[in-house]
PDB file of N, CA and C in Angstrom:
ATOM      1  N   UNK A   1       0.647  -1.163   0.072  1.00  0.00           N
ATOM      2  CA  UNK A   1      -0.254  -0.176  -0.095  1.00  0.00           C
ATOM      3  C   UNK A   1       0.960   1.552   0.036  1.00  0.00           C
ATOM      4  N   UNK A   2       0.607   2.302  -0.918  1.00  0.00           N
ATOM      5  CA  UNK A   2       1.107   3.334  -1.260  1.00  0.00           C
ATOM      6  C   UNK A   2       0.759   4.639  -0.833  1.00  0.00           C
ATOM      7  N   UNK A   3      -0.322   4.292  -0.141  1.00  0.00           N
ATOM      8  CA  UNK A   3      -0.988   5.402   0.290  1.00  0.00           C
ATOM      9  C   UNK A   3      -0.796   6.148   1.396  1.00  0.00           C
ATOM     10  N   UNK A   4      -0.424   7.160   1.922  1.00  0.00           N
ATOM     11  CA  UNK A   4      -0.408   7.748   3.188  1.00  0.00           C
ATOM     12  C   UNK A   4      -1.978   8.088   3.755  1.00  0.00           C
ATOM     13  N   UNK A   5      -2.405   7.591   5.110  1.00  0.00           N
ATOM     14  CA  UNK A   5      -2.712   7.966   5.742  1.00  0.00           C
ATOM     15  C   UNK A   5      -3.053   9.243   6.592  1.00  0.00           C
ATOM     16  N   UNK A   6      -3.714  10.283   6.192  1.00  0.00           N
ATOM     17  CA  UNK A   6      -3.403  11.134   7.088  1.00  0.00           C
ATOM     18  C   UNK A   6      -4.544  11.556   8.190  1.00  0.00           C
ATOM     19  N   UNK A   7      -5.551  11.293   8.072  1.00  0.00           N
ATOM     20  CA  UNK A   7      -6.873  11.814   8.818  1.00  0.00           C
ATOM     21  C   UNK A   7      -7.069  10.046  10.164  1.00  0.00           C
ATOM     22  N   UNK A   8      -7.533  10.936  11.335  1.00  0.00           N
ATOM     23  CA  UNK A   8      -7.863   9.542  12.182  1.00  0.00           C
ATOM     24  C   UNK A   8      -9.020   8.631  11.210  1.00  0.00           C
ATOM     25  N   UNK A   9      -9.838   9.074  10.900  1.00  0.00           N
ATOM     26  CA  UNK A   9     -10.389   7.758  10.487  1.00  0.00           C
ATOM     27  C   UNK A   9     -10.267   7.322   9.386  1.00  0.00           C
ATOM     28  N   UNK A  10      -9.141   7.358   8.340  1.00  0.00           N
ATOM     29  CA  UNK A  10      -8.141   6.690   7.596  1.00  0.00           C
ATOM     30  C   UNK A  10      -7.680   5.846   8.218  1.00  0.00           C
ATOM     31  N   UNK A  11      -6.949   6.127   8.946  1.00  0.00           N
ATOM     32  CA  UNK A  11      -5.915   5.740   9.930  1.00  0.00           C
ATOM     33  C   UNK A  11      -6.697   4.107  11.339  1.00  0.00           C
ATOM     34  N   UNK A  12      -7.327   4.267  11.270  1.00  0.00           N
ATOM     35  CA  UNK A  12      -8.471   4.005  12.478  1.00  0.00           C
ATOM     36  C   UNK A  12      -9.190   2.365  11.449  1.00  0.00           C
ATOM     37  N   UNK A  13      -9.879   2.922  10.476  1.00  0.00           N
ATOM     38  CA  UNK A  13     -10.648   2.192   9.183  1.00  0.00           C
ATOM     39  C   UNK A  13      -9.197   0.865   8.993  1.00  0.00           C
ATOM     40  N   UNK A  14      -8.018   1.416   8.650  1.00  0.00           N
ATOM     41  CA  UNK A  14      -7.236   0.818   8.229  1.00  0.00           C
ATOM     42  C   UNK A  14      -6.812  -0.520   9.084  1.00  0.00           C
ATOM     43  N   UNK A  15      -6.432   0.214  10.281  1.00  0.00           N
ATOM     44  CA  UNK A  15      -6.251  -0.667  11.562  1.00  0.00           C
ATOM     45  C   UNK A  15      -7.038  -1.461  12.490  1.00  0.00           C
ATOM     46  N   UNK A  16      -8.539  -1.286  11.899  1.00  0.00           N
ATOM     47  CA  UNK A  16      -9.475  -2.181  12.620  1.00  0.00           C
ATOM     48  C   UNK A  16      -9.838  -3.010  11.053  1.00  0.00           C
ATOM     49  N   UNK A  17      -9.621  -2.857  10.326  1.00  0.00           N
ATOM     50  CA  UNK A  17     -10.093  -4.286   8.725  1.00  0.00           C
ATOM     51  C   UNK A  17      -9.662  -5.363   9.021  1.00  0.00           C
ATOM     52  N   UNK A  18      -8.723  -5.658   9.491  1.00  0.00           N
ATOM     53  CA  UNK A  18      -7.986  -6.901   9.511  1.00  0.00           C
ATOM     54  C   UNK A  18      -8.472  -8.184  10.536  1.00  0.00           C
ATOM     55  N   UNK A  19      -9.891  -7.042  11.367  1.00  0.00           N
ATOM     56  CA  UNK A  19     -10.100  -7.631  12.594  1.00  0.00           C
ATOM     57  C   UNK A  19     -11.208  -8.313  12.053  1.00  0.00           C
ATOM     58  N   UNK A  20     -12.128  -7.740  11.267  1.00  0.00           N
ATOM     59  CA  UNK A  20     -13.204  -8.307  10.662  1.00  0.00           C
ATOM     60  C   UNK A  20     -14.630  -8.094  11.069  1.00  0.00           C
ATOM     61  N   UNK A  21     -14.659  -6.997  12.254  1.00  0.00           N
ATOM     62  CA  UNK A  21     -15.803  -6.886  13.246  1.00  0.00           C
ATOM     63  C   UNK A  21     -16.613  -5.789  12.302  1.00  0.00           C
ATOM     64  N   UNK A  22     -17.611  -5.687  12.405  1.00  0.00           N
ATOM     65  CA  UNK A  22     -18.689  -5.354  11.663  1.00  0.00           C
ATOM     66  C   UNK A  22     -18.547  -3.511  12.321  1.00  0.00           C
ATOM     67  N   UNK A  23     -18.748  -2.605  11.556  1.00  0.00           N
ATOM     68  CA  UNK A  23     -18.783  -1.285  11.632  1.00  0.00           C
ATOM     69  C   UNK A  23     -20.237  -0.781  12.534  1.00  0.00           C
ATOM     70  N   UNK A  24     -20.844  -2.090  13.013  1.00  0.00           N
ATOM     71  CA  UNK A  24     -22.086  -1.189  13.372  1.00  0.00           C
ATOM     72  C   UNK A  24     -22.005  -1.734  14.952  1.00  0.00           C
ATOM     73  N   UNK A  25     -21.067  -2.955  15.154  1.00  0.00           N
ATOM     74  CA  UNK A  25     -20.726  -3.315  16.417  1.00  0.00           C
ATOM     75  C   UNK A  25     -20.481  -2.558  17.552  1.00  0.00           C
ATOM     76  N   UNK A  26     -21.683  -2.599  18.952  1.00  0.00           N
ATOM     77  CA  UNK A  26     -20.704  -2.111  19.824  1.00  0.00           C
ATOM     78  C   UNK A  26     -18.754  -2.112  19.960  1.00  0.00           C
ATOM     79  N   UNK A  27     -18.312  -3.023  19.816  1.00  0.00           N
ATOM     80  CA  UNK A  27     -16.987  -3.711  19.896  1.00  0.00           C
ATOM     81  C   UNK A  27     -16.284  -2.770  18.894  1.00  0.00           C
ATOM     82  N   UNK A  28     -16.614  -2.327  17.648  1.00  0.00           N
ATOM     83  CA  UNK A  28     -15.990  -1.787  16.964  1.00  0.00           C
ATOM     84  C   UNK A  28     -16.267  -0.470  17.032  1.00  0.00           C
ATOM     85  N   UNK A  29     -17.115  -0.176  17.320  1.00  0.00           N
ATOM     86  CA  UNK A  29     -17.592   1.503  17.792  1.00  0.00           C
ATOM     87  C   UNK A  29     -16.712   1.514  19.144  1.00  0.00           C
ATOM     88  N   UNK A  30     -16.412   1.109  19.961  1.00  0.00           N
ATOM     89  CA  UNK A  30     -15.790   1.690  21.366  1.00  0.00           C
ATOM     90  C   UNK A  30     -13.939   1.597  20.984  1.00  0.00           C
ATOM     91  N   UNK A  31     -13.680   0.594  20.031  1.00  0.00           N
ATOM     92  CA  UNK A  31     -12.632   0.500  19.412  1.00  0.00           C
ATOM     93  C   UNK A  31     -12.174   2.160  18.623  1.00  0.00           C
ATOM     94  N   UNK A  32     -13.169   2.258  17.836  1.00  0.00           N
ATOM     95  CA  UNK A  32     -12.653   3.013  17.364  1.00  0.00           C
ATOM     96  C   UNK A  32     -13.019   4.728  18.100  1.00  0.00           C
ATOM     97  N   UNK A  33     -13.900   4.910  18.932  1.00  0.00           N
ATOM     98  CA  UNK A  33     -13.580   6.002  19.891  1.00  0.00           C
ATOM     99  C   UNK A  33     -12.186   6.260  20.680  1.00  0.00           C
ATOM    100  N   UNK A  34     -12.195   4.750  20.966  1.00  0.00           N
ATOM    101  CA  UNK A  34     -10.449   5.118  21.272  1.00  0.00           C
ATOM    102  C   UNK A  34      -9.612   4.736  21.063  1.00  0.00           C
ATOM    103  N   UNK A  35      -9.405   4.295  19.989  1.00  0.00           N
ATOM    104  CA  UNK A  35      -8.240   5.040  18.587  1.00  0.00           C
ATOM    105  C   UNK A  35      -8.394   5.977  18.432  1.00  0.00           C
ATOM    106  N   UNK A  36      -9.625   6.783  17.978  1.00  0.00           N
ATOM    107  CA  UNK A  36      -9.698   8.953  17.559  1.00  0.00           C
ATOM    108  C   UNK A  36      -8.929   9.229  18.515  1.00  0.00           C
ATOM    109  N   UNK A  37      -8.937   9.013  20.171  1.00  0.00           N
ATOM    110  CA  UNK A  37      -8.719   9.586  20.982  1.00  0.00           C
ATOM    111  C   UNK A  37      -7.255   9.788  20.904  1.00  0.00           C
ATOM    112  N   UNK A  38      -6.696   8.635  20.988  1.00  0.00           N
ATOM    113  CA  UNK A  38      -5.227   8.342  21.111  1.00  0.00           C
ATOM    114  C   UNK A  38      -4.768   9.096  20.070  1.00  0.00           C
ATOM    115  N   UNK A  39      -5.135   9.264  18.872  1.00  0.00           N
ATOM    116  CA  UNK A  39      -4.817   9.365  17.594  1.00  0.00           C
ATOM    117  C   UNK A  39      -4.781  11.117  17.456  1.00  0.00           C
ATOM    118  N   UNK A  40      -5.983  11.743  17.815  1.00  0.00           N
ATOM    119  CA  UNK A  40      -6.241  13.110  18.095  1.00  0.00           C
ATOM    120  C   UNK A  40      -5.366  13.561  19.418  1.00  0.00           C
ATOM    121  N   UNK A  41      -5.034  12.881  20.451  1.00  0.00           N
ATOM    122  CA  UNK A  41      -4.292  13.663  21.260  1.00  0.00           C
ATOM    123  C   UNK A  41      -2.778  13.711  20.990  1.00  0.00           C
ATOM    124  N   UNK A  42      -2.517  12.273  20.312  1.00  0.00           N
ATOM    125  CA  UNK A  42      -0.899  12.414  19.258  1.00  0.00           C
ATOM    126  C   UNK A  42      -1.047  13.626  18.739  1.00  0.00           C
ATOM    127  N   UNK A  43      -1.591  13.939  17.643  1.00  0.00           N
ATOM    128  CA  UNK A  43      -1.737  15.004  16.253  1.00  0.00           C
ATOM    129  C   UNK A  43      -2.001  16.170  17.150  1.00  0.00           C
ATOM    130  N   UNK A  44      -2.224  16.626  18.751  1.00  0.00           N
ATOM    131  CA  UNK A  44      -2.553  17.801  19.442  1.00  0.00           C
ATOM    132  C   UNK A  44      -0.964  17.987  19.987  1.00  0.00           C
ATOM    133  N   UNK A  45      -0.223  17.099  20.818  1.00  0.00           N
ATOM    134  CA  UNK A  45       0.679  17.336  20.831  1.00  0.00           C
ATOM    135  C   UNK A  45       1.895  17.362  20.138  1.00  0.00           C
ATOM    136  N   UNK A  46       1.771  16.759  18.789  1.00  0.00           N
ATOM    137  CA  UNK A  46       2.920  16.871  17.723  1.00  0.00           C
ATOM    138  C   UNK A  46       2.508  18.875  17.018  1.00  0.00           C
ATOM    139  N   UNK A  47       1.357  18.960  17.177  1.00  0.00           N
ATOM    140  CA  UNK A  47       1.322  20.510  16.775  1.00  0.00           C
ATOM    141  C   UNK A  47       1.505  21.209  17.622  1.00  0.00           C
ATOM    142  N   UNK A  48       1.813  21.126  18.756  1.00  0.00           N
ATOM    143  CA  UNK A  48       1.887  22.110  19.990  1.00  0.00           C
ATOM    144  C   UNK A  48       3.910  22.126  20.041  1.00  0.00           C
ATOM    145  N   UNK A  49       3.870  20.749  19.476  1.00  0.00           N
ATOM    146  CA  UNK A  49       5.874  20.157  19.415  1.00  0.00           C
ATOM    147  C   UNK A  49       5.967  21.966  18.214  1.00  0.00           C
ATOM    148  N   UNK A  50       4.995  22.067  17.141  1.00  0.00           N
ATOM    149  CA  UNK A  50       5.446  22.308  15.764  1.00  0.00           C
ATOM    150  C   UNK A  50       6.378  21.743  15.142  1.00  0.00           C
ATOM    151  N   UNK A  51       6.116  20.168  14.921  1.00  0.00           N
ATOM    152  CA  UNK A  51       7.292  19.030  14.585  1.00  0.00           C
ATOM    153  C   UNK A  51       6.174  18.448  13.941  1.00  0.00           C
ATOM    154  N   UNK A  52       6.389  18.410  12.828  1.00  0.00           N
ATOM    155  CA  UNK A  52       5.077  17.193  11.463  1.00  0.00           C
ATOM    156  C   UNK A  52       5.924  15.676  12.141  1.00  0.00           C
ATOM    157  N   UNK A  53       4.796  15.365  12.373  1.00  0.00           N
ATOM    158  CA  UNK A  53       5.177  13.477  12.571  1.00  0.00           C
ATOM    159  C   UNK A  53       4.735  12.632  11.691  1.00  0.00           C
ATOM    160  N   UNK A  54       5.468  11.721  10.900  1.00  0.00           N
ATOM    161  CA  UNK A  54       4.895  10.837  10.051  1.00  0.00           C
ATOM    162  C   UNK A  54       4.808   9.176  10.206  1.00  0.00           C
ATOM    163  N   UNK A  55       4.002   8.527  10.304  1.00  0.00           N
ATOM    164  CA  UNK A  55       4.137   7.244  11.014  1.00  0.00           C
ATOM    165  C   UNK A  55       3.043   6.174   9.659  1.00  0.00           C
ATOM    166  N   UNK A  56       4.105   5.398   9.076  1.00  0.00           N
ATOM    167  CA  UNK A  56       3.916   4.352   7.876  1.00  0.00           C
ATOM    168  C   UNK A  56       2.994   3.730   8.892  1.00  0.00           C
ATOM    169  N   UNK A  57       2.331   3.230   9.092  1.00  0.00           N
ATOM    170  CA  UNK A  57       1.070   1.797   9.454  1.00  0.00           C
ATOM    171  C   UNK A  57       1.029   0.403   8.270  1.00  0.00           C
ATOM    172  N   UNK A  58       1.861   0.739   7.296  1.00  0.00           N
ATOM    173  CA  UNK A  58       1.635  -0.614   6.539  1.00  0.00           C
ATOM    174  C   UNK A  58       2.979  -1.295   6.463  1.00  0.00           C
ATOM    175  N   UNK A  59       3.629  -0.687   7.069  1.00  0.00           N
ATOM    176  CA  UNK A  59       4.843  -1.783   7.954  1.00  0.00           C
ATOM    177  C   UNK A  59       4.870  -2.216   9.741  1.00  0.00           C
ATOM    178  N   UNK A  60       3.914  -2.108   9.941  1.00  0.00           N
ATOM    179  CA  UNK A  60       3.436  -2.487  11.545  1.00  0.00           C
ATOM    180  C   UNK A  60       2.877  -4.083  11.565  1.00  0.00           C
ATOM    181  N   UNK A  61       3.227  -4.978  11.862  1.00  0.00           N
ATOM    182  CA  UNK A  61       2.793  -6.136  11.935  1.00  0.00           C
ATOM    183  C   UNK A  61       0.677  -6.023  12.742  1.00  0.00           C
ATOM    184  N   UNK A  62       0.512  -7.089  11.548  1.00  0.00           N
ATOM    185  CA  UNK A  62      -1.018  -6.938  12.354  1.00  0.00           C
ATOM    186  C   UNK A  62      -1.260  -8.273  13.093  1.00  0.00           C
ATOM    187  N   UNK A  63      -2.246  -7.722  14.020  1.00  0.00           N
ATOM    188  CA  UNK A  63      -2.063  -8.047  15.483  1.00  0.00           C
ATOM    189  C   UNK A  63      -3.387  -8.787  15.148  1.00  0.00           C
ATOM    190  N   UNK A  64      -3.916  -9.528  16.050  1.00  0.00           N
ATOM    191  CA  UNK A  64      -5.368 -10.430  15.836  1.00  0.00           C
ATOM    192  C   UNK A  64      -5.791 -10.639  17.398  1.00  0.00           C
ATOM    193  N   UNK A  65      -6.807 -10.115  17.636  1.00  0.00           N
ATOM    194  CA  UNK A  65      -6.924 -10.127  19.142  1.00  0.00           C
ATOM    195  C   UNK A  65      -8.080 -11.324  19.218  1.00  0.00           C
ATOM    196  N   UNK A  66      -8.326 -12.389  20.090  1.00  0.00           N
ATOM    197  CA  UNK A  66      -9.472 -13.023  20.059  1.00  0.00           C
ATOM    198  C   UNK A  66      -9.940 -13.076  21.756  1.00  0.00           C
ATOM    199  N   UNK A  67     -10.620 -12.023  21.791  1.00  0.00           N
ATOM    200  CA  UNK A  67     -10.926 -12.020  23.524  1.00  0.00           C
ATOM    201  C   UNK A  67     -11.952 -13.624  23.588  1.00  0.00           C
ATOM    202  N   UNK A  68     -12.386 -14.359  22.649  1.00  0.00           N
ATOM    203  CA  UNK A  68     -12.919 -15.225  23.517  1.00  0.00           C
ATOM    204  C   UNK A  68     -11.836 -16.168  24.202  1.00  0.00           C
ATOM    205  N   UNK A  69     -10.762 -16.154  24.150  1.00  0.00           N
ATOM    206  CA  UNK A  69      -9.340 -16.884  24.592  1.00  0.00           C
ATOM    207  C   UNK A  69      -9.286 -16.153  26.039  1.00  0.00           C
ATOM    208  N   UNK A  70      -9.558 -14.801  26.087  1.00  0.00           N
ATOM    209  CA  UNK A  70      -9.273 -14.495  27.451  1.00  0.00           C
ATOM    210  C   UNK A  70     -10.674 -14.352  28.283  1.00  0.00           C
ATOM    211  N   UNK A  71     -11.783 -14.490  28.269  1.00  0.00           N
ATOM    212  CA  UNK A  71     -12.975 -14.842  28.383  1.00  0.00           C
ATOM    213  C   UNK A  71     -13.338 -13.910  28.941  1.00  0.00           C
ATOM    214  N   UNK A  72     -13.671 -12.793  27.544  1.00  0.00           N
ATOM    215  CA  UNK A  72     -13.726 -11.145  27.344  1.00  0.00           C
ATOM    216  C   UNK A  72     -14.302 -11.108  26.315  1.00  0.00           C
ATOM    217  N   UNK A  73     -16.332 -11.931  25.853  1.00  0.00           N
ATOM    218  CA  UNK A  73     -16.804 -12.248  25.166  1.00  0.00           C
ATOM    219  C   UNK A  73     -17.837 -10.901  25.219  1.00  0.00           C
TER     220      UNK A  73
END
């Protein structure tokens, strides 16, 4: 993937896609809300420092979380 992801929504959708969770599920909505908070907080901190930060998510390994294995269904 050579597309740069610049907006929180694009980044979050890219990160959650491998999990195969319905976008309408409560789990997806909660994960999205948390990730959006983290990304926006990071962006605000970077803006305060006046230092642009680029993160290439295409080189991060995908992690699949099986909540059933931990009893968190």
